[in-house]
Amino acid sequence: MKTRLIITLAALLICSGLAAQAPAADDPDQQYATELLKKGAKAPQIKLNDINGNPFTLSSLKGRRVVLIFWASWCPDCRAEVPELKAMYEAADPEKVAFVSVSFDREFDKFKAYALENSLPGIQLFDPSGKKDSAVGKAYCVKWIPSLYLIDAKGRVEFGTVVASKIAAAL
């Protein structure tokens, strides 16, 4: 009888431990967004060229919230978020919210073709150094793509995530 009770209690403890870990598997942020900048951090400056070759700085958008997306055309998870990004863009007030995407594609033609073919919303920036070598990616602690940030009108991070729907909910 004691043995059966001990086995039952052990099984319950094991199951409760597994249940406690379950949210991490259900929430990609707990696995992939742990190193992203935290709430209140000053958003690092971005100086890159846009899809037309024009220089862009993130500080030019001060006074508006910014949805900042790090992605690449070769990334299947990034491609899966495109409908959500388009829906967010359509629902947002352009006077209050700007959308900025930083592509880690290494080839400009592939980046541009994908962005245009899929009518990606907002300002499209190109960082040819790629995800691992990007100074901008390092400044934003990007280890996984897509990674997204919501930046407030004063240039501070509201939060970072790898799940576009979380940004949509905050808008």
N, C-alpha and C. Protein backbone atom coordinates (compact mmCIF):
# COMPACT_ATOMS: atom_id res chain seq x y z
N MET A 1 0.82 -1.20 0.00
CA MET A 1 0.00 0.00 0.00
C MET A 1 0.87 1.26 0.00
N LYS A 2 1.93 1.26 0.87
CA LYS A 2 2.83 2.42 0.92
C LYS A 2 3.54 2.60 -0.42
N THR A 3 3.95 1.50 -1.02
CA THR A 3 4.64 1.57 -2.30
C THR A 3 3.75 2.19 -3.36
N ARG A 4 2.49 1.79 -3.38
CA ARG A 4 1.54 2.32 -4.36
C ARG A 4 1.34 3.82 -4.13
N LEU A 5 1.25 4.25 -2.89
CA LEU A 5 1.09 5.65 -2.56
C LEU A 5 2.32 6.45 -2.99
N ILE A 6 3.49 5.92 -2.74
CA ILE A 6 4.72 6.60 -3.13
C ILE A 6 4.81 6.72 -4.64
N ILE A 7 4.46 5.66 -5.34
CA ILE A 7 4.49 5.70 -6.81
C ILE A 7 3.48 6.72 -7.34
N THR A 8 2.29 6.76 -6.75
CA THR A 8 1.27 7.71 -7.16
C THR A 8 1.73 9.14 -6.92
N LEU A 9 2.30 9.39 -5.73
CA LEU A 9 2.80 10.73 -5.42
C LEU A 9 3.94 11.13 -6.36
N ALA A 10 4.83 10.18 -6.64
CA ALA A 10 5.93 10.47 -7.55
C ALA A 10 5.40 10.81 -8.95
N ALA A 11 4.42 10.06 -9.40
CA ALA A 11 3.82 10.32 -10.71
C ALA A 11 3.17 11.70 -10.74
N LEU A 12 2.48 12.06 -9.66
CA LEU A 12 1.85 13.38 -9.59
C LEU A 12 2.90 14.49 -9.62
N LEU A 13 3.97 14.30 -8.90
CA LEU A 13 5.04 15.30 -8.90
C LEU A 13 5.65 15.45 -10.29
N ILE A 14 5.88 14.34 -10.94
CA ILE A 14 6.45 14.38 -12.28
C ILE A 14 5.49 15.07 -13.23
N CYS A 15 4.23 14.71 -13.17
CA CYS A 15 3.22 15.32 -14.05
C CYS A 15 3.07 16.80 -13.77
N SER A 16 3.08 17.19 -12.50
CA SER A 16 2.93 18.61 -12.18
C SER A 16 4.15 19.37 -12.66
N GLY A 17 5.32 18.76 -12.62
CA GLY A 17 6.52 19.39 -13.15
C GLY A 17 6.45 19.57 -14.64
N LEU A 18 5.93 18.59 -15.34
CA LEU A 18 5.76 18.70 -16.78
C LEU A 18 4.73 19.75 -17.12
N ALA A 19 3.66 19.81 -16.36
CA ALA A 19 2.63 20.81 -16.61
C ALA A 19 3.18 22.21 -16.39
N ALA A 20 4.05 22.36 -15.41
CA ALA A 20 4.63 23.67 -15.15
C ALA A 20 5.53 24.10 -16.31
N GLN A 21 6.10 23.13 -17.03
CA GLN A 21 6.96 23.47 -18.15
C GLN A 21 6.16 23.69 -19.43
N ALA A 22 4.94 23.24 -19.48
CA ALA A 22 4.14 23.30 -20.70
C ALA A 22 4.00 24.71 -21.27
N PRO A 23 3.79 25.76 -20.46
CA PRO A 23 3.64 27.08 -21.05
C PRO A 23 4.85 27.51 -21.87
N ALA A 24 6.05 27.09 -21.49
CA ALA A 24 7.24 27.46 -22.25
C ALA A 24 7.14 26.92 -23.68
N ALA A 25 6.65 25.71 -23.82
CA ALA A 25 6.50 25.12 -25.14
C ALA A 25 5.39 25.81 -25.92
N ASP A 26 4.38 26.31 -25.23
CA ASP A 26 3.27 26.99 -25.88
C ASP A 26 3.58 28.45 -26.20
N ASP A 27 4.54 29.04 -25.50
CA ASP A 27 4.87 30.44 -25.70
C ASP A 27 6.28 30.56 -26.29
N PRO A 28 6.38 30.81 -27.59
CA PRO A 28 7.70 30.91 -28.22
C PRO A 28 8.60 31.97 -27.58
N ASP A 29 8.00 33.00 -26.99
CA ASP A 29 8.82 34.03 -26.35
C ASP A 29 9.67 33.47 -25.22
N GLN A 30 9.15 32.50 -24.50
CA GLN A 30 9.91 31.93 -23.40
C GLN A 30 11.11 31.13 -23.90
N GLN A 31 11.09 30.78 -25.16
CA GLN A 31 12.19 30.03 -25.73
C GLN A 31 13.11 30.91 -26.58
N TYR A 32 12.54 31.84 -27.33
CA TYR A 32 13.32 32.58 -28.32
C TYR A 32 13.48 34.08 -28.06
N ALA A 33 12.74 34.65 -27.12
CA ALA A 33 12.78 36.10 -26.92
C ALA A 33 13.37 36.50 -25.58
N THR A 34 14.02 35.60 -24.91
CA THR A 34 14.50 35.87 -23.54
C THR A 34 15.59 36.94 -23.49
N GLU A 35 16.32 37.14 -24.58
CA GLU A 35 17.41 38.11 -24.56
C GLU A 35 17.05 39.44 -25.23
N LEU A 36 15.83 39.57 -25.74
CA LEU A 36 15.43 40.82 -26.37
C LEU A 36 15.44 41.95 -25.34
N LEU A 37 15.59 43.18 -25.83
CA LEU A 37 15.61 44.34 -24.94
C LEU A 37 14.35 44.38 -24.09
N LYS A 38 14.51 44.82 -22.87
CA LYS A 38 13.39 44.85 -21.92
C LYS A 38 12.65 46.19 -21.97
N LYS A 39 11.46 46.18 -21.42
CA LYS A 39 10.60 47.36 -21.34
C LYS A 39 11.36 48.52 -20.70
N GLY A 40 11.26 49.67 -21.33
CA GLY A 40 11.89 50.88 -20.81
C GLY A 40 13.27 51.16 -21.37
N ALA A 41 13.89 50.17 -22.01
CA ALA A 41 15.21 50.39 -22.61
C ALA A 41 15.09 51.38 -23.76
N LYS A 42 16.11 52.22 -23.92
CA LYS A 42 16.11 53.14 -25.04
C LYS A 42 16.35 52.33 -26.32
N ALA A 43 15.51 52.56 -27.31
CA ALA A 43 15.64 51.85 -28.59
C ALA A 43 16.91 52.32 -29.29
N PRO A 44 17.82 51.40 -29.60
CA PRO A 44 19.04 51.79 -30.30
C PRO A 44 18.74 52.43 -31.66
N GLN A 45 19.60 53.34 -32.05
CA GLN A 45 19.45 54.02 -33.34
C GLN A 45 19.63 53.01 -34.48
N ILE A 46 18.89 53.22 -35.52
CA ILE A 46 19.03 52.43 -36.74
C ILE A 46 19.34 53.40 -37.86
N LYS A 47 20.41 53.11 -38.59
CA LYS A 47 20.79 53.89 -39.77
C LYS A 47 21.07 52.90 -40.88
N LEU A 48 20.07 52.71 -41.73
CA LEU A 48 20.19 51.79 -42.87
C LEU A 48 19.51 52.42 -44.07
N ASN A 49 19.75 51.85 -45.23
CA ASN A 49 19.06 52.31 -46.43
C ASN A 49 17.75 51.56 -46.61
N ASP A 50 16.77 52.27 -47.14
CA ASP A 50 15.48 51.62 -47.39
C ASP A 50 15.52 50.89 -48.73
N ILE A 51 14.40 50.35 -49.10
CA ILE A 51 14.29 49.52 -50.30
C ILE A 51 14.63 50.30 -51.58
N ASN A 52 14.53 51.64 -51.52
CA ASN A 52 14.85 52.47 -52.67
C ASN A 52 16.26 53.05 -52.60
N GLY A 53 17.03 52.63 -51.58
CA GLY A 53 18.40 53.11 -51.44
C GLY A 53 18.53 54.42 -50.68
N ASN A 54 17.41 54.92 -50.14
CA ASN A 54 17.44 56.17 -49.39
C ASN A 54 17.84 55.91 -47.94
N PRO A 55 18.66 56.81 -47.36
CA PRO A 55 19.04 56.63 -45.95
C PRO A 55 17.84 56.82 -45.02
N PHE A 56 17.83 56.03 -43.96
CA PHE A 56 16.74 56.07 -42.98
C PHE A 56 17.36 56.03 -41.58
N THR A 57 16.77 56.80 -40.67
CA THR A 57 17.14 56.71 -39.25
C THR A 57 15.87 56.52 -38.43
N LEU A 58 15.95 55.66 -37.46
CA LEU A 58 14.80 55.40 -36.60
C LEU A 58 14.34 56.67 -35.87
N SER A 59 15.28 57.51 -35.50
CA SER A 59 14.92 58.74 -34.77
C SER A 59 14.02 59.66 -35.58
N SER A 60 13.95 59.47 -36.89
CA SER A 60 13.07 60.29 -37.73
C SER A 60 11.60 60.02 -37.43
N LEU A 61 11.31 58.95 -36.71
CA LEU A 61 9.92 58.59 -36.40
C LEU A 61 9.52 58.97 -34.98
N LYS A 62 10.37 59.69 -34.27
CA LYS A 62 10.05 60.07 -32.90
C LYS A 62 8.71 60.81 -32.87
N GLY A 63 7.90 60.49 -31.89
CA GLY A 63 6.57 61.06 -31.80
C GLY A 63 5.49 60.06 -32.22
N ARG A 64 5.93 58.96 -32.85
CA ARG A 64 5.00 57.88 -33.21
C ARG A 64 5.51 56.58 -32.59
N ARG A 65 4.57 55.70 -32.29
CA ARG A 65 4.96 54.35 -31.90
C ARG A 65 5.51 53.65 -33.13
N VAL A 66 6.42 52.71 -32.91
CA VAL A 66 7.02 51.99 -34.03
C VAL A 66 6.92 50.49 -33.79
N VAL A 67 6.42 49.81 -34.80
CA VAL A 67 6.47 48.36 -34.81
C VAL A 67 7.72 48.03 -35.64
N LEU A 68 8.71 47.43 -34.98
CA LEU A 68 9.98 47.12 -35.60
C LEU A 68 10.08 45.62 -35.78
N ILE A 69 10.30 45.20 -37.02
CA ILE A 69 10.33 43.77 -37.35
C ILE A 69 11.68 43.41 -37.95
N PHE A 70 12.30 42.36 -37.41
CA PHE A 70 13.52 41.81 -37.98
C PHE A 70 13.15 40.50 -38.67
N TRP A 71 13.54 40.34 -39.92
CA TRP A 71 13.09 39.21 -40.71
C TRP A 71 14.08 38.90 -41.84
N ALA A 72 13.78 37.89 -42.65
CA ALA A 72 14.50 37.59 -43.89
C ALA A 72 13.56 36.82 -44.81
N SER A 73 13.73 36.99 -46.10
CA SER A 73 12.84 36.34 -47.06
C SER A 73 12.98 34.83 -47.04
N TRP A 74 14.12 34.31 -46.63
CA TRP A 74 14.36 32.86 -46.60
C TRP A 74 13.80 32.20 -45.34
N CYS A 75 13.29 32.98 -44.41
CA CYS A 75 12.84 32.49 -43.10
C CYS A 75 11.36 32.07 -43.15
N PRO A 76 11.05 30.77 -42.97
CA PRO A 76 9.65 30.32 -43.03
C PRO A 76 8.78 30.92 -41.93
N ASP A 77 9.33 31.10 -40.73
CA ASP A 77 8.54 31.71 -39.65
C ASP A 77 8.23 33.17 -39.97
N CYS A 78 9.16 33.86 -40.61
CA CYS A 78 8.93 35.25 -41.01
C CYS A 78 7.82 35.33 -42.05
N ARG A 79 7.88 34.45 -43.00
CA ARG A 79 6.86 34.43 -44.06
C ARG A 79 5.47 34.15 -43.47
N ALA A 80 5.42 33.30 -42.46
CA ALA A 80 4.14 32.95 -41.84
C ALA A 80 3.50 34.15 -41.14
N GLU A 81 4.31 35.12 -40.72
CA GLU A 81 3.79 36.29 -40.00
C GLU A 81 3.29 37.40 -40.93
N VAL A 82 3.55 37.29 -42.23
CA VAL A 82 3.19 38.36 -43.16
C VAL A 82 1.70 38.72 -43.10
N PRO A 83 0.76 37.78 -43.11
CA PRO A 83 -0.65 38.18 -43.03
C PRO A 83 -0.98 38.97 -41.76
N GLU A 84 -0.41 38.58 -40.64
CA GLU A 84 -0.63 39.30 -39.38
C GLU A 84 -0.06 40.72 -39.46
N LEU A 85 1.11 40.86 -40.05
CA LEU A 85 1.73 42.18 -40.19
C LEU A 85 0.89 43.09 -41.09
N LYS A 86 0.39 42.53 -42.18
CA LYS A 86 -0.46 43.31 -43.08
C LYS A 86 -1.74 43.76 -42.37
N ALA A 87 -2.33 42.86 -41.60
CA ALA A 87 -3.56 43.20 -40.87
C ALA A 87 -3.29 44.30 -39.84
N MET A 88 -2.16 44.20 -39.14
CA MET A 88 -1.80 45.24 -38.16
C MET A 88 -1.63 46.59 -38.85
N TYR A 89 -0.94 46.57 -39.96
CA TYR A 89 -0.67 47.80 -40.70
C TYR A 89 -1.97 48.45 -41.15
N GLU A 90 -2.87 47.65 -41.68
CA GLU A 90 -4.16 48.16 -42.15
C GLU A 90 -5.00 48.75 -41.02
N ALA A 91 -4.90 48.17 -39.84
CA ALA A 91 -5.70 48.60 -38.69
C ALA A 91 -5.11 49.81 -37.96
N ALA A 92 -3.82 50.06 -38.17
CA ALA A 92 -3.14 51.11 -37.41
C ALA A 92 -3.36 52.50 -38.03
N ASP A 93 -3.32 53.51 -37.19
CA ASP A 93 -3.39 54.90 -37.62
C ASP A 93 -1.97 55.32 -38.02
N PRO A 94 -1.72 55.60 -39.30
CA PRO A 94 -0.36 55.92 -39.74
C PRO A 94 0.23 57.19 -39.12
N GLU A 95 -0.62 58.02 -38.57
CA GLU A 95 -0.12 59.23 -37.90
C GLU A 95 0.42 58.89 -36.51
N LYS A 96 0.00 57.74 -35.96
CA LYS A 96 0.40 57.35 -34.62
C LYS A 96 1.35 56.17 -34.58
N VAL A 97 1.32 55.33 -35.61
CA VAL A 97 2.13 54.10 -35.63
C VAL A 97 2.84 53.96 -36.97
N ALA A 98 4.16 53.73 -36.89
CA ALA A 98 4.95 53.45 -38.09
C ALA A 98 5.44 52.01 -38.04
N PHE A 99 5.57 51.41 -39.20
CA PHE A 99 6.06 50.04 -39.32
C PHE A 99 7.41 50.08 -40.03
N VAL A 100 8.40 49.47 -39.39
CA VAL A 100 9.75 49.43 -39.94
C VAL A 100 10.22 47.99 -39.91
N SER A 101 10.66 47.50 -41.07
CA SER A 101 11.17 46.13 -41.17
C SER A 101 12.63 46.16 -41.56
N VAL A 102 13.43 45.35 -40.88
CA VAL A 102 14.85 45.21 -41.19
C VAL A 102 15.06 43.80 -41.72
N SER A 103 15.47 43.71 -42.98
CA SER A 103 15.71 42.42 -43.60
C SER A 103 17.17 42.02 -43.43
N PHE A 104 17.38 40.77 -43.02
CA PHE A 104 18.72 40.21 -42.89
C PHE A 104 19.11 39.38 -44.11
N ASP A 105 18.40 39.58 -45.21
CA ASP A 105 18.80 38.91 -46.45
C ASP A 105 20.20 39.39 -46.82
N ARG A 106 20.98 38.53 -47.42
CA ARG A 106 22.33 38.92 -47.86
C ARG A 106 22.32 39.46 -49.29
N GLU A 107 21.27 39.12 -50.03
CA GLU A 107 21.18 39.57 -51.42
C GLU A 107 20.02 40.56 -51.57
N PHE A 108 20.36 41.77 -51.98
CA PHE A 108 19.37 42.84 -52.11
C PHE A 108 18.23 42.45 -53.04
N ASP A 109 18.56 41.81 -54.17
CA ASP A 109 17.52 41.46 -55.15
C ASP A 109 16.48 40.51 -54.56
N LYS A 110 16.91 39.54 -53.75
CA LYS A 110 15.97 38.61 -53.13
C LYS A 110 15.09 39.33 -52.12
N PHE A 111 15.71 40.20 -51.32
CA PHE A 111 14.95 41.01 -50.35
C PHE A 111 13.89 41.86 -51.07
N LYS A 112 14.33 42.60 -52.07
CA LYS A 112 13.42 43.52 -52.76
C LYS A 112 12.30 42.77 -53.46
N ALA A 113 12.63 41.68 -54.13
CA ALA A 113 11.61 40.90 -54.85
C ALA A 113 10.56 40.38 -53.87
N TYR A 114 11.00 39.82 -52.75
CA TYR A 114 10.03 39.28 -51.79
C TYR A 114 9.16 40.40 -51.20
N ALA A 115 9.78 41.52 -50.83
CA ALA A 115 9.05 42.64 -50.24
C ALA A 115 8.00 43.17 -51.20
N LEU A 116 8.36 43.32 -52.47
CA LEU A 116 7.42 43.86 -53.45
C LEU A 116 6.34 42.84 -53.84
N GLU A 117 6.74 41.60 -54.06
CA GLU A 117 5.77 40.56 -54.43
C GLU A 117 4.72 40.34 -53.36
N ASN A 118 5.10 40.54 -52.11
CA ASN A 118 4.19 40.30 -51.00
C ASN A 118 3.61 41.57 -50.40
N SER A 119 3.86 42.69 -51.04
CA SER A 119 3.35 44.00 -50.60
C SER A 119 3.57 44.20 -49.11
N LEU A 120 4.82 43.99 -48.68
CA LEU A 120 5.12 44.14 -47.26
C LEU A 120 4.87 45.59 -46.84
N PRO A 121 4.24 45.77 -45.69
CA PRO A 121 3.86 47.11 -45.27
C PRO A 121 4.99 47.90 -44.63
N GLY A 122 4.87 49.22 -44.70
CA GLY A 122 5.77 50.10 -43.97
C GLY A 122 7.10 50.33 -44.66
N ILE A 123 8.04 50.79 -43.87
CA ILE A 123 9.38 51.11 -44.34
C ILE A 123 10.22 49.84 -44.35
N GLN A 124 10.76 49.49 -45.50
CA GLN A 124 11.56 48.27 -45.65
C GLN A 124 13.03 48.64 -45.71
N LEU A 125 13.80 48.12 -44.74
CA LEU A 125 15.24 48.39 -44.67
C LEU A 125 16.02 47.13 -44.97
N PHE A 126 17.22 47.33 -45.52
CA PHE A 126 18.07 46.21 -45.91
C PHE A 126 19.37 46.26 -45.13
N ASP A 127 19.69 45.14 -44.45
CA ASP A 127 20.96 45.02 -43.72
C ASP A 127 21.71 43.83 -44.31
N PRO A 128 22.60 44.08 -45.27
CA PRO A 128 23.26 42.99 -45.99
C PRO A 128 24.25 42.18 -45.14
N SER A 129 24.54 42.62 -43.93
CA SER A 129 25.50 41.89 -43.10
C SER A 129 24.90 40.60 -42.54
N GLY A 130 23.58 40.43 -42.67
CA GLY A 130 22.93 39.21 -42.19
C GLY A 130 22.71 39.21 -40.69
N LYS A 131 21.92 38.27 -40.24
CA LYS A 131 21.50 38.24 -38.83
C LYS A 131 22.68 38.12 -37.86
N LYS A 132 23.59 37.23 -38.12
CA LYS A 132 24.67 36.98 -37.17
C LYS A 132 25.68 38.12 -37.07
N ASP A 133 25.86 38.88 -38.16
CA ASP A 133 26.88 39.92 -38.19
C ASP A 133 26.32 41.34 -38.14
N SER A 134 25.03 41.48 -38.05
CA SER A 134 24.40 42.79 -38.09
C SER A 134 24.62 43.58 -36.80
N ALA A 135 25.13 44.79 -36.93
CA ALA A 135 25.28 45.66 -35.76
C ALA A 135 23.92 46.03 -35.20
N VAL A 136 22.95 46.26 -36.07
CA VAL A 136 21.59 46.59 -35.62
C VAL A 136 20.98 45.39 -34.91
N GLY A 137 21.13 44.21 -35.48
CA GLY A 137 20.62 43.00 -34.85
C GLY A 137 21.24 42.77 -33.48
N LYS A 138 22.53 43.02 -33.37
CA LYS A 138 23.21 42.87 -32.07
C LYS A 138 22.71 43.90 -31.07
N ALA A 139 22.53 45.14 -31.52
CA ALA A 139 22.04 46.20 -30.63
C ALA A 139 20.65 45.87 -30.08
N TYR A 140 19.85 45.18 -30.89
CA TYR A 140 18.50 44.79 -30.47
C TYR A 140 18.44 43.37 -29.92
N CYS A 141 19.61 42.74 -29.77
CA CYS A 141 19.71 41.40 -29.17
C CYS A 141 18.90 40.35 -29.93
N VAL A 142 18.88 40.45 -31.23
CA VAL A 142 18.11 39.53 -32.07
C VAL A 142 18.90 38.23 -32.23
N LYS A 143 18.31 37.16 -31.73
CA LYS A 143 18.91 35.82 -31.86
C LYS A 143 18.02 34.93 -32.72
N TRP A 144 16.79 35.34 -32.95
CA TRP A 144 15.79 34.55 -33.66
C TRP A 144 14.99 35.48 -34.55
N ILE A 145 14.63 35.01 -35.73
CA ILE A 145 13.73 35.81 -36.55
C ILE A 145 12.50 34.98 -36.90
N PRO A 146 11.36 35.63 -36.96
CA PRO A 146 11.20 37.06 -36.77
C PRO A 146 11.32 37.44 -35.29
N SER A 147 11.84 38.63 -35.07
CA SER A 147 11.79 39.28 -33.76
C SER A 147 11.13 40.62 -33.98
N LEU A 148 10.27 40.98 -33.07
CA LEU A 148 9.51 42.22 -33.22
C LEU A 148 9.58 43.03 -31.93
N TYR A 149 9.56 44.33 -32.10
CA TYR A 149 9.52 45.24 -30.96
C TYR A 149 8.38 46.23 -31.16
N LEU A 150 7.83 46.68 -30.04
CA LEU A 150 6.94 47.82 -30.05
C LEU A 150 7.70 48.91 -29.29
N ILE A 151 7.91 50.02 -29.97
CA ILE A 151 8.66 51.14 -29.41
C ILE A 151 7.70 52.30 -29.22
N ASP A 152 7.76 52.94 -28.05
CA ASP A 152 6.83 54.02 -27.78
C ASP A 152 7.23 55.31 -28.50
N ALA A 153 6.38 56.32 -28.41
CA ALA A 153 6.58 57.58 -29.13
C ALA A 153 7.82 58.34 -28.65
N LYS A 154 8.35 57.98 -27.49
CA LYS A 154 9.55 58.63 -26.96
C LYS A 154 10.82 57.85 -27.26
N GLY A 155 10.68 56.75 -28.00
CA GLY A 155 11.85 55.98 -28.37
C GLY A 155 12.28 54.94 -27.36
N ARG A 156 11.35 54.50 -26.51
CA ARG A 156 11.65 53.47 -25.51
C ARG A 156 10.92 52.17 -25.89
N VAL A 157 11.54 51.06 -25.56
CA VAL A 157 10.96 49.76 -25.84
C VAL A 157 9.74 49.54 -24.95
N GLU A 158 8.61 49.22 -25.57
CA GLU A 158 7.43 48.80 -24.80
C GLU A 158 7.54 47.31 -24.51
N PHE A 159 7.92 46.53 -25.54
CA PHE A 159 8.25 45.12 -25.34
C PHE A 159 8.76 44.52 -26.63
N GLY A 160 9.42 43.37 -26.48
CA GLY A 160 9.90 42.61 -27.62
C GLY A 160 9.29 41.23 -27.59
N THR A 161 9.15 40.63 -28.77
CA THR A 161 8.50 39.33 -28.90
C THR A 161 8.93 38.66 -30.20
N VAL A 162 8.62 37.40 -30.34
CA VAL A 162 8.78 36.70 -31.62
C VAL A 162 7.42 36.34 -32.20
N VAL A 163 6.36 36.88 -31.61
CA VAL A 163 4.99 36.56 -32.00
C VAL A 163 4.26 37.85 -32.42
N ALA A 164 3.98 37.99 -33.70
CA ALA A 164 3.36 39.21 -34.21
C ALA A 164 2.00 39.51 -33.56
N SER A 165 1.23 38.47 -33.25
CA SER A 165 -0.10 38.71 -32.66
C SER A 165 -0.02 39.42 -31.31
N LYS A 166 1.09 39.29 -30.61
CA LYS A 166 1.25 39.98 -29.33
C LYS A 166 1.42 41.49 -29.56
N ILE A 167 2.08 41.85 -30.63
CA ILE A 167 2.20 43.26 -30.98
C ILE A 167 0.82 43.79 -31.40
N ALA A 168 0.12 43.02 -32.20
CA ALA A 168 -1.22 43.41 -32.64
C ALA A 168 -2.14 43.66 -31.47
N ALA A 169 -2.08 42.81 -30.46
CA ALA A 169 -2.93 42.96 -29.27
C ALA A 169 -2.58 44.24 -28.50
N ALA A 170 -1.31 44.61 -28.51
CA ALA A 170 -0.88 45.81 -27.78
C ALA A 170 -1.24 47.09 -28.52
N LEU A 171 -1.44 46.99 -29.83
CA LEU A 171 -1.81 48.18 -30.60
C LEU A 171 -3.27 48.49 -30.41
